[in-house]
Amino acid sequence: MELATILGLLLAASPPPSQADIERVQDVRVAKIGHDLVTANAGRCARRAPATGLLLGTSAAGRYPGVVAVLPGSPAAGVGIAPDDIIQSIGGTAMPMLGDPAFKDASAWMRAVHDRLDAGLAAGSAVLAIRRGERTLSVELAGVPACATRFVISNTRALNAGADGQYVRISQSMFAEFRSDDELAAILAHELAHNILDHRAVLDAQGVSRGLFGRIGKNAAKIRETEIAADALSLTLMHDAGYRMAAAPEFWARFEKKHGYGIFADATHLNGRRRVDMLNAEIVRVEAR
């Protein structure tokens, strides 16, 4: 049973979920699928970071980062870290604290938290000091090799997803469009492919504008080349992470029928039947390999 189905059943068995409950389910879905993609495809990434299976956020009991969720089968689950644990330090170095003037907002603080965790695990395992209720525990944690990409959800009404070399972002509004974890994986894998192929740096080196003028002429053609390459690689990323590749063309065919591709309708993307046909042809090639 898919993670989305399990989480959906849990929410359905309770009183109507709050917006916070819904967002937590979305966060866990993205974290799980992202973890699958970056660990299964670590060998394709020039930049790597240890993956732990921890989903971190603000804690209810202080300014240290708290554990929102622990992905099943992950390194963090294997050493007994649990939701609502508070991570105070790693390798003897205190974790960044929310509210520190060094951070302009909570997003900057969370980036620092993940940077500290990555640095602490870079050389192998490290000891975490964890607060659990009234107890303080010492837990030795080691990550597994993974692509150095983090996945976040942006709170916007726009139907959008993007990648900047370090992050993959997907808008909260996109979740209403997905019928399965495989379809969500298709979008996350496409954006991860941009990061693996270093497309931001490639376009910057070519002097390609990604503003208004990026939607026309030679700029659009060069961006379209990266989109086609990301579509092609995304299917291999999905396949190796155990997701159904056919979900990608199925999603885009339905999305186009409903929205006309929206922001994906300009010259920077293949659209209409061309994108679906390209994806189906690439699936045949991946399966043949």
C-alpha atoms as a PDB file:
ATOM      1  CA  MET A   1       0.000   0.000   0.000  1.00  0.00           C
ATOM      2  CA  GLU A   2       1.351   3.453  -0.961  1.00  0.00           C
ATOM      3  CA  LEU A   3       2.455   5.866   1.739  1.00  0.00           C
ATOM      4  CA  ALA A   4      -0.160   8.367   0.507  1.00  0.00           C
ATOM      5  CA  THR A   5      -2.904   5.756   0.949  1.00  0.00           C
ATOM      6  CA  ILE A   6      -1.752   4.815   4.448  1.00  0.00           C
ATOM      7  CA  LEU A   7      -1.563   8.436   5.576  1.00  0.00           C
ATOM      8  CA  GLY A   8      -4.936   9.123   3.983  1.00  0.00           C
ATOM      9  CA  LEU A   9      -6.549   6.274   5.899  1.00  0.00           C
ATOM     10  CA  LEU A  10      -5.060   7.526   9.148  1.00  0.00           C
ATOM     11  CA  LEU A  11      -6.476  10.992   8.599  1.00  0.00           C
ATOM     12  CA  ALA A  12      -9.853   9.603   7.525  1.00  0.00           C
ATOM     13  CA  ALA A  13     -10.133   7.612  10.752  1.00  0.00           C
ATOM     14  CA  SER A  14      -9.884  10.776  12.861  1.00  0.00           C
ATOM     15  CA  PRO A  15     -11.922  13.990  13.038  1.00  0.00           C
ATOM     16  CA  PRO A  16     -11.612  16.185   9.924  1.00  0.00           C
ATOM     17  CA  PRO A  17      -7.899  17.020   9.550  1.00  0.00           C
ATOM     18  CA  SER A  18      -6.646  20.513  10.217  1.00  0.00           C
ATOM     19  CA  GLN A  19      -4.564  22.388   7.693  1.00  0.00           C
ATOM     20  CA  ALA A  20      -1.528  21.547   9.825  1.00  0.00           C
ATOM     21  CA  ASP A  21      -2.390  17.833   9.571  1.00  0.00           C
ATOM     22  CA  ILE A  22      -2.721  18.081   5.793  1.00  0.00           C
ATOM     23  CA  GLU A  23       0.584  19.906   5.470  1.00  0.00           C
ATOM     24  CA  ARG A  24       2.325  17.340   7.654  1.00  0.00           C
ATOM     25  CA  VAL A  25       1.075  14.510   5.427  1.00  0.00           C
ATOM     26  CA  GLN A  26       2.329  16.395   2.365  1.00  0.00           C
ATOM     27  CA  ASP A  27       5.710  16.988   4.015  1.00  0.00           C
ATOM     28  CA  VAL A  28       6.095  13.292   4.824  1.00  0.00           C
ATOM     29  CA  ARG A  29       5.108  12.236   1.293  1.00  0.00           C
ATOM     30  CA  VAL A  30       7.663  14.561  -0.270  1.00  0.00           C
ATOM     31  CA  ALA A  31      10.354  13.552   2.238  1.00  0.00           C
ATOM     32  CA  LYS A  32       9.769   9.828   1.617  1.00  0.00           C
ATOM     33  CA  ILE A  33       9.748  10.071  -2.169  1.00  0.00           C
ATOM     34  CA  GLY A  34      12.676  12.485  -2.175  1.00  0.00           C
ATOM     35  CA  HIS A  35      14.645  10.124   0.090  1.00  0.00           C
ATOM     36  CA  ASP A  36      13.936   7.224  -2.259  1.00  0.00           C
ATOM     37  CA  LEU A  37      15.075   9.199  -5.296  1.00  0.00           C
ATOM     38  CA  VAL A  38      18.295  10.657  -3.877  1.00  0.00           C
ATOM     39  CA  THR A  39      19.481   7.436  -2.236  1.00  0.00           C
ATOM     40  CA  ALA A  40      18.686   5.141  -5.162  1.00  0.00           C
ATOM     41  CA  ASN A  41      20.474   7.488  -7.574  1.00  0.00           C
ATOM     42  CA  ALA A  42      23.415   8.639  -5.453  1.00  0.00           C
ATOM     43  CA  GLY A  43      25.866   7.197  -7.977  1.00  0.00           C
ATOM     44  CA  ARG A  44      24.650   9.670 -10.613  1.00  0.00           C
ATOM     45  CA  CYS A  45      25.335  12.739  -8.472  1.00  0.00           C
ATOM     46  CA  ALA A  46      28.582  14.685  -8.417  1.00  0.00           C
ATOM     47  CA  ARG A  47      27.502  16.370  -5.176  1.00  0.00           C
ATOM     48  CA  ARG A  48      26.438  14.100  -2.345  1.00  0.00           C
ATOM     49  CA  ALA A  49      25.262  14.461   1.231  1.00  0.00           C
ATOM     50  CA  PRO A  50      24.330  11.870   3.862  1.00  0.00           C
ATOM     51  CA  ALA A  51      20.633  10.991   4.008  1.00  0.00           C
ATOM     52  CA  THR A  52      19.202  10.077   7.408  1.00  0.00           C
ATOM     53  CA  GLY A  53      15.446   9.793   6.935  1.00  0.00           C
ATOM     54  CA  LEU A  54      14.808  12.606   9.416  1.00  0.00           C
ATOM     55  CA  LEU A  55      12.126  15.175   8.696  1.00  0.00           C
ATOM     56  CA  LEU A  56      12.951  18.148  10.897  1.00  0.00           C
ATOM     57  CA  GLY A  57      11.016  21.231  11.943  1.00  0.00           C
ATOM     58  CA  THR A  58      10.384  23.490  14.887  1.00  0.00           C
ATOM     59  CA  SER A  59       9.962  21.712  18.211  1.00  0.00           C
ATOM     60  CA  ALA A  60       7.113  22.274  20.640  1.00  0.00           C
ATOM     61  CA  ALA A  61       9.443  22.453  23.642  1.00  0.00           C
ATOM     62  CA  GLY A  62      12.128  24.902  22.663  1.00  0.00           C
ATOM     63  CA  ARG A  63      14.252  26.549  20.032  1.00  0.00           C
ATOM     64  CA  TYR A  64      16.188  23.455  18.979  1.00  0.00           C
ATOM     65  CA  PRO A  65      15.062  21.513  15.873  1.00  0.00           C
ATOM     66  CA  GLY A  66      12.475  18.827  16.497  1.00  0.00           C
ATOM     67  CA  VAL A  67      11.827  15.563  14.681  1.00  0.00           C
ATOM     68  CA  VAL A  68       8.578  15.825  12.724  1.00  0.00           C
ATOM     69  CA  ALA A  69       8.782  12.320  11.260  1.00  0.00           C
ATOM     70  CA  VAL A  70      11.194   9.427  10.781  1.00  0.00           C
ATOM     71  CA  LEU A  71      10.999   7.584   7.473  1.00  0.00           C
ATOM     72  CA  PRO A  72      10.478   3.821   7.811  1.00  0.00           C
ATOM     73  CA  GLY A  73      13.594   1.774   7.073  1.00  0.00           C
ATOM     74  CA  SER A  74      15.866   4.823   7.213  1.00  0.00           C
ATOM     75  CA  PRO A  75      19.097   5.170   9.226  1.00  0.00           C
ATOM     76  CA  ALA A  76      17.310   7.357  11.780  1.00  0.00           C
ATOM     77  CA  ALA A  77      14.611   4.724  12.284  1.00  0.00           C
ATOM     78  CA  GLY A  78      17.288   2.065  12.667  1.00  0.00           C
ATOM     79  CA  VAL A  79      18.851   3.782  15.696  1.00  0.00           C
ATOM     80  CA  GLY A  80      15.543   4.508  17.389  1.00  0.00           C
ATOM     81  CA  ILE A  81      15.071   8.233  16.772  1.00  0.00           C
ATOM     82  CA  ALA A  82      11.369   9.056  17.103  1.00  0.00           C
ATOM     83  CA  PRO A  83       8.933  11.858  16.236  1.00  0.00           C
ATOM     84  CA  ASP A  84       8.918  14.721  18.759  1.00  0.00           C
ATOM     85  CA  ASP A  85      12.549  14.080  19.764  1.00  0.00           C
ATOM     86  CA  ILE A  86      14.531  17.317  20.065  1.00  0.00           C
ATOM     87  CA  ILE A  87      18.029  17.381  18.570  1.00  0.00           C
ATOM     88  CA  GLN A  88      20.299  19.512  20.744  1.00  0.00           C
ATOM     89  CA  SER A  89      23.741  18.762  19.311  1.00  0.00           C
ATOM     90  CA  ILE A  90      25.658  16.617  16.843  1.00  0.00           C
ATOM     91  CA  GLY A  91      29.228  15.531  17.454  1.00  0.00           C
ATOM     92  CA  GLY A  92      29.320  17.809  20.476  1.00  0.00           C
ATOM     93  CA  THR A  93      28.420  20.905  18.444  1.00  0.00           C
ATOM     94  CA  ALA A  94      25.143  22.597  19.366  1.00  0.00           C
ATOM     95  CA  MET A  95      22.459  22.745  16.701  1.00  0.00           C
ATOM     96  CA  PRO A  96      21.419  26.202  15.486  1.00  0.00           C
ATOM     97  CA  MET A  97      18.643  27.706  17.574  1.00  0.00           C
ATOM     98  CA  LEU A  98      15.481  29.247  16.210  1.00  0.00           C
ATOM     99  CA  GLY A  99      15.344  32.954  16.962  1.00  0.00           C
ATOM    100  CA  ASP A 100      19.093  33.464  16.724  1.00  0.00           C
ATOM    101  CA  PRO A 101      19.683  36.914  15.146  1.00  0.00           C
ATOM    102  CA  ALA A 102      22.011  35.253  12.633  1.00  0.00           C
ATOM    103  CA  PHE A 103      18.956  33.907  10.801  1.00  0.00           C
ATOM    104  CA  LYS A 104      16.613  36.296   9.048  1.00  0.00           C
ATOM    105  CA  ASP A 105      13.711  33.843   9.117  1.00  0.00           C
ATOM    106  CA  ALA A 106      12.723  30.259   9.895  1.00  0.00           C
ATOM    107  CA  SER A 107      13.744  29.087   6.426  1.00  0.00           C
ATOM    108  CA  ALA A 108      17.295  30.354   6.909  1.00  0.00           C
ATOM    109  CA  TRP A 109      17.392  28.664  10.314  1.00  0.00           C
ATOM    110  CA  MET A 110      16.238  25.341   8.864  1.00  0.00           C
ATOM    111  CA  ARG A 111      18.885  25.540   6.135  1.00  0.00           C
ATOM    112  CA  ALA A 112      21.484  26.020   8.864  1.00  0.00           C
ATOM    113  CA  VAL A 113      20.083  23.034  10.767  1.00  0.00           C
ATOM    114  CA  HIS A 114      20.432  20.779   7.737  1.00  0.00           C
ATOM    115  CA  ASP A 115      23.892  22.166   6.974  1.00  0.00           C
ATOM    116  CA  ARG A 116      24.990  21.375  10.536  1.00  0.00           C
ATOM    117  CA  LEU A 117      23.573  17.859  10.288  1.00  0.00           C
ATOM    118  CA  ASP A 118      25.287  17.244   6.937  1.00  0.00           C
ATOM    119  CA  ALA A 119      28.601  18.555   8.237  1.00  0.00           C
ATOM    120  CA  GLY A 120      28.383  16.408  11.363  1.00  0.00           C
ATOM    121  CA  LEU A 121      27.803  13.267   9.320  1.00  0.00           C
ATOM    122  CA  ALA A 122      30.189  14.051   6.464  1.00  0.00           C
ATOM    123  CA  ALA A 123      33.014  11.939   7.874  1.00  0.00           C
ATOM    124  CA  GLY A 124      30.763   9.031   8.875  1.00  0.00           C
ATOM    125  CA  SER A 125      28.735   8.526  12.017  1.00  0.00           C
ATOM    126  CA  ALA A 126      28.235  11.120  14.744  1.00  0.00           C
ATOM    127  CA  VAL A 127      26.646  11.183  18.188  1.00  0.00           C
ATOM    128  CA  LEU A 128      23.436  13.181  18.547  1.00  0.00           C
ATOM    129  CA  ALA A 129      22.279  14.512  21.904  1.00  0.00           C
ATOM    130  CA  ILE A 130      18.519  14.088  21.886  1.00  0.00           C
ATOM    131  CA  ARG A 131      15.971  15.375  24.373  1.00  0.00           C
ATOM    132  CA  ARG A 132      12.994  13.042  24.767  1.00  0.00           C
ATOM    133  CA  GLY A 133      10.574  14.221  27.393  1.00  0.00           C
ATOM    134  CA  GLU A 134      12.584  14.587  30.593  1.00  0.00           C
ATOM    135  CA  ARG A 135      15.455  12.421  29.368  1.00  0.00           C
ATOM    136  CA  THR A 136      18.574  13.230  27.352  1.00  0.00           C
ATOM    137  CA  LEU A 137      19.776  10.416  25.097  1.00  0.00           C
ATOM    138  CA  SER A 138      22.955   9.860  23.090  1.00  0.00           C
ATOM    139  CA  VAL A 139      22.366   8.246  19.695  1.00  0.00           C
ATOM    140  CA  GLU A 140      25.015   7.402  17.117  1.00  0.00           C
ATOM    141  CA  LEU A 141      23.724   8.099  13.618  1.00  0.00           C
ATOM    142  CA  ALA A 142      25.251   7.534  10.199  1.00  0.00           C
ATOM    143  CA  GLY A 143      23.654   8.639   6.945  1.00  0.00           C
ATOM    144  CA  VAL A 144      23.628   6.799   3.632  1.00  0.00           C
ATOM    145  CA  PRO A 145      25.031   8.238   0.378  1.00  0.00           C
ATOM    146  CA  ALA A 146      22.556  10.463  -1.437  1.00  0.00           C
ATOM    147  CA  CYS A 147      22.349  13.266  -3.959  1.00  0.00           C
ATOM    148  CA  ALA A 148      22.832  16.628  -2.254  1.00  0.00           C
ATOM    149  CA  THR A 149      19.315  17.901  -2.945  1.00  0.00           C
ATOM    150  CA  ARG A 150      16.713  18.922  -0.373  1.00  0.00           C
ATOM    151  CA  PHE A 151      12.969  18.880  -1.014  1.00  0.00           C
ATOM    152  CA  VAL A 152      10.606  21.585   0.224  1.00  0.00           C
ATOM    153  CA  ILE A 153       6.982  22.588  -0.282  1.00  0.00           C
ATOM    154  CA  SER A 154       6.216  26.224  -1.069  1.00  0.00           C
ATOM    155  CA  ASN A 155       2.984  27.723   0.194  1.00  0.00           C
ATOM    156  CA  THR A 156       1.666  29.215  -3.022  1.00  0.00           C
ATOM    157  CA  ARG A 157      -1.437  28.897  -5.158  1.00  0.00           C
ATOM    158  CA  ALA A 158       0.613  28.605  -8.342  1.00  0.00           C
ATOM    159  CA  LEU A 159       0.834  25.173  -9.946  1.00  0.00           C
ATOM    160  CA  ASN A 160       4.590  25.047 -10.065  1.00  0.00           C
ATOM    161  CA  ALA A 161       7.769  23.135  -9.288  1.00  0.00           C
ATOM    162  CA  GLY A 162      11.400  24.130  -9.659  1.00  0.00           C
ATOM    163  CA  ALA A 163      15.027  23.393  -8.875  1.00  0.00           C
ATOM    164  CA  ASP A 164      17.951  25.675  -8.126  1.00  0.00           C
ATOM    165  CA  GLY A 165      20.882  23.255  -7.864  1.00  0.00           C
ATOM    166  CA  GLN A 166      20.461  22.620  -4.137  1.00  0.00           C
ATOM    167  CA  TYR A 167      16.719  22.461  -3.586  1.00  0.00           C
ATOM    168  CA  VAL A 168      13.675  21.013  -5.289  1.00  0.00           C
ATOM    169  CA  ARG A 169      10.543  23.021  -4.576  1.00  0.00           C
ATOM    170  CA  ILE A 170       6.973  22.061  -5.302  1.00  0.00           C
ATOM    171  CA  SER A 171       3.938  24.218  -4.641  1.00  0.00           C
ATOM    172  CA  GLN A 172       1.321  23.064  -2.177  1.00  0.00           C
ATOM    173  CA  SER A 173      -1.344  23.591  -4.846  1.00  0.00           C
ATOM    174  CA  MET A 174       0.144  20.809  -6.981  1.00  0.00           C
ATOM    175  CA  PHE A 175      -0.934  18.107  -4.521  1.00  0.00           C
ATOM    176  CA  ALA A 176      -4.550  18.272  -5.668  1.00  0.00           C
ATOM    177  CA  GLU A 177      -3.349  17.152  -9.106  1.00  0.00           C
ATOM    178  CA  PHE A 178      -1.690  13.884  -8.045  1.00  0.00           C
ATOM    179  CA  ARG A 179      -3.511  10.565  -8.026  1.00  0.00           C
ATOM    180  CA  SER A 180      -0.604   8.545  -6.638  1.00  0.00           C
ATOM    181  CA  ASP A 181       2.868   8.729  -5.158  1.00  0.00           C
ATOM    182  CA  ASP A 182       4.167   7.689  -8.591  1.00  0.00           C
ATOM    183  CA  GLU A 183       2.828  10.902 -10.117  1.00  0.00           C
ATOM    184  CA  LEU A 184       4.337  13.001  -7.349  1.00  0.00           C
ATOM    185  CA  ALA A 185       7.606  11.122  -7.878  1.00  0.00           C
ATOM    186  CA  ALA A 186       7.490  12.037 -11.580  1.00  0.00           C
ATOM    187  CA  ILE A 187       7.529  15.760 -10.788  1.00  0.00           C
ATOM    188  CA  LEU A 188      10.155  15.484  -8.027  1.00  0.00           C
ATOM    189  CA  ALA A 189      12.358  13.308 -10.248  1.00  0.00           C
ATOM    190  CA  HIS A 190      12.142  15.840 -13.084  1.00  0.00           C
ATOM    191  CA  GLU A 191      13.328  18.648 -10.810  1.00  0.00           C
ATOM    192  CA  LEU A 192      16.009  16.432  -9.240  1.00  0.00           C
ATOM    193  CA  ALA A 193      17.242  15.673 -12.759  1.00  0.00           C
ATOM    194  CA  HIS A 194      17.806  19.418 -13.295  1.00  0.00           C
ATOM    195  CA  ASN A 195      20.049  19.457 -10.227  1.00  0.00           C
ATOM    196  CA  ILE A 196      21.942  16.300 -11.183  1.00  0.00           C
ATOM    197  CA  LEU A 197      22.580  17.700 -14.666  1.00  0.00           C
ATOM    198  CA  ASP A 198      23.559  21.080 -13.145  1.00  0.00           C
ATOM    199  CA  HIS A 199      21.244  22.886 -15.534  1.00  0.00           C
ATOM    200  CA  ARG A 200      21.247  26.181 -13.641  1.00  0.00           C
ATOM    201  CA  ALA A 201      25.026  26.443 -14.043  1.00  0.00           C
ATOM    202  CA  VAL A 202      24.797  25.303 -17.674  1.00  0.00           C
ATOM    203  CA  LEU A 203      22.289  28.024 -18.547  1.00  0.00           C
ATOM    204  CA  ASP A 204      24.210  30.645 -16.585  1.00  0.00           C
ATOM    205  CA  ALA A 205      27.392  29.766 -18.500  1.00  0.00           C
ATOM    206  CA  GLN A 206      25.478  30.242 -21.768  1.00  0.00           C
ATOM    207  CA  GLY A 207      24.152  33.619 -20.636  1.00  0.00           C
ATOM    208  CA  VAL A 208      20.559  32.430 -20.925  1.00  0.00           C
ATOM    209  CA  SER A 209      17.939  34.753 -19.483  1.00  0.00           C
ATOM    210  CA  ARG A 210      15.274  33.054 -17.381  1.00  0.00           C
ATOM    211  CA  GLY A 211      13.104  36.126 -16.943  1.00  0.00           C
ATOM    212  CA  LEU A 212      10.570  37.463 -19.430  1.00  0.00           C
ATOM    213  CA  PHE A 213      12.997  37.093 -22.337  1.00  0.00           C
ATOM    214  CA  GLY A 214      13.673  33.484 -21.382  1.00  0.00           C
ATOM    215  CA  ARG A 215      10.327  32.495 -22.871  1.00  0.00           C
ATOM    216  CA  ILE A 216      11.179  33.419 -26.457  1.00  0.00           C
ATOM    217  CA  GLY A 217      13.828  32.911 -29.101  1.00  0.00           C
ATOM    218  CA  LYS A 218      17.215  31.313 -28.442  1.00  0.00           C
ATOM    219  CA  ASN A 219      16.817  31.583 -24.674  1.00  0.00           C
ATOM    220  CA  ALA A 220      13.640  29.517 -24.790  1.00  0.00           C
ATOM    221  CA  ALA A 221      15.253  26.958 -27.094  1.00  0.00           C
ATOM    222  CA  LYS A 222      18.172  26.419 -24.727  1.00  0.00           C
ATOM    223  CA  ILE A 223      15.871  26.135 -21.726  1.00  0.00           C
ATOM    224  CA  ARG A 224      13.735  23.665 -23.682  1.00  0.00           C
ATOM    225  CA  GLU A 225      16.826  21.488 -24.238  1.00  0.00           C
ATOM    226  CA  THR A 226      17.333  21.246 -20.476  1.00  0.00           C
ATOM    227  CA  GLU A 227      13.654  20.429 -19.932  1.00  0.00           C
ATOM    228  CA  ILE A 228      13.794  17.582 -22.440  1.00  0.00           C
ATOM    229  CA  ALA A 229      16.977  16.245 -20.844  1.00  0.00           C
ATOM    230  CA  ALA A 230      15.396  16.432 -17.375  1.00  0.00           C
ATOM    231  CA  ASP A 231      12.285  14.610 -18.603  1.00  0.00           C
ATOM    232  CA  ALA A 232      14.433  11.830 -20.048  1.00  0.00           C
ATOM    233  CA  LEU A 233      16.623  11.384 -16.955  1.00  0.00           C
ATOM    234  CA  SER A 234      13.648  11.604 -14.602  1.00  0.00           C
ATOM    235  CA  LEU A 235      12.303   8.300 -15.876  1.00  0.00           C
ATOM    236  CA  THR A 236      15.547   6.497 -15.053  1.00  0.00           C
ATOM    237  CA  LEU A 237      15.547   8.114 -11.601  1.00  0.00           C
ATOM    238  CA  MET A 238      11.975   6.921 -11.033  1.00  0.00           C
ATOM    239  CA  HIS A 239      12.735   3.425 -12.292  1.00  0.00           C
ATOM    240  CA  ASP A 240      15.757   2.964 -10.056  1.00  0.00           C
ATOM    241  CA  ALA A 241      13.857   4.269  -7.016  1.00  0.00           C
ATOM    242  CA  GLY A 242      11.011   1.799  -7.596  1.00  0.00           C
ATOM    243  CA  TYR A 243       8.372   4.164  -9.000  1.00  0.00           C
ATOM    244  CA  ARG A 244       6.183   3.488 -12.019  1.00  0.00           C
ATOM    245  CA  MET A 245       7.540   5.405 -15.017  1.00  0.00           C
ATOM    246  CA  ALA A 246       4.240   5.413 -16.914  1.00  0.00           C
ATOM    247  CA  ALA A 247       2.851   7.742 -14.239  1.00  0.00           C
ATOM    248  CA  ALA A 248       4.785  10.624 -15.859  1.00  0.00           C
ATOM    249  CA  PRO A 249       3.077  10.655 -19.275  1.00  0.00           C
ATOM    250  CA  GLU A 250      -0.250   9.793 -17.623  1.00  0.00           C
ATOM    251  CA  PHE A 251       0.056  12.816 -15.349  1.00  0.00           C
ATOM    252  CA  TRP A 252       1.018  15.247 -18.108  1.00  0.00           C
ATOM    253  CA  ALA A 253      -1.725  14.070 -20.458  1.00  0.00           C
ATOM    254  CA  ARG A 254      -4.340  14.634 -17.758  1.00  0.00           C
ATOM    255  CA  PHE A 255      -2.772  17.911 -16.570  1.00  0.00           C
ATOM    256  CA  GLU A 256      -2.801  19.358 -20.090  1.00  0.00           C
ATOM    257  CA  LYS A 257      -6.412  18.401 -20.613  1.00  0.00           C
ATOM    258  CA  LYS A 258      -7.369  20.141 -17.371  1.00  0.00           C
ATOM    259  CA  HIS A 259      -5.070  23.179 -17.383  1.00  0.00           C
ATOM    260  CA  GLY A 260      -3.633  23.518 -20.872  1.00  0.00           C
ATOM    261  CA  TYR A 261      -0.193  23.187 -19.241  1.00  0.00           C
ATOM    262  CA  GLY A 262      -0.448  26.606 -17.562  1.00  0.00           C
ATOM    263  CA  ILE A 263       3.069  27.867 -16.920  1.00  0.00           C
ATOM    264  CA  PHE A 264       4.448  24.916 -18.900  1.00  0.00           C
ATOM    265  CA  ALA A 265       2.730  26.038 -22.110  1.00  0.00           C
ATOM    266  CA  ASP A 266       5.380  28.400 -23.463  1.00  0.00           C
ATOM    267  CA  ALA A 267       8.324  27.641 -25.756  1.00  0.00           C
ATOM    268  CA  THR A 268      10.559  26.538 -22.863  1.00  0.00           C
ATOM    269  CA  HIS A 269       8.775  23.154 -22.631  1.00  0.00           C
ATOM    270  CA  LEU A 270       7.547  20.497 -24.988  1.00  0.00           C
ATOM    271  CA  ASN A 271       3.795  20.509 -24.645  1.00  0.00           C
ATOM    272  CA  GLY A 272       0.760  18.783 -25.974  1.00  0.00           C
ATOM    273  CA  ARG A 273       1.169  15.320 -27.376  1.00  0.00           C
ATOM    274  CA  ARG A 274       4.884  15.880 -28.064  1.00  0.00           C
ATOM    275  CA  ARG A 275       5.864  15.669 -24.408  1.00  0.00           C
ATOM    276  CA  VAL A 276       3.736  12.621 -23.744  1.00  0.00           C
ATOM    277  CA  ASP A 277       5.102  10.858 -26.835  1.00  0.00           C
ATOM    278  CA  MET A 278       8.678  11.674 -25.853  1.00  0.00           C
ATOM    279  CA  LEU A 279       8.153  10.296 -22.352  1.00  0.00           C
ATOM    280  CA  ASN A 280       6.556   7.093 -23.664  1.00  0.00           C
ATOM    281  CA  ALA A 281       9.423   6.585 -26.108  1.00  0.00           C
ATOM    282  CA  GLU A 282      11.963   7.117 -23.342  1.00  0.00           C
ATOM    283  CA  ILE A 283      10.190   4.573 -21.144  1.00  0.00           C
ATOM    284  CA  VAL A 284      10.724   1.987 -23.887  1.00  0.00           C
ATOM    285  CA  ARG A 285      14.431   2.863 -23.984  1.00  0.00           C
ATOM    286  CA  VAL A 286      14.814   2.654 -20.211  1.00  0.00           C
ATOM    287  CA  GLU A 287      13.056  -0.703 -20.092  1.00  0.00           C
ATOM    288  CA  ALA A 288      15.268  -1.975 -22.904  1.00  0.00           C
ATOM    289  CA  ARG A 289      18.384  -0.977 -20.962  1.00  0.00           C
END
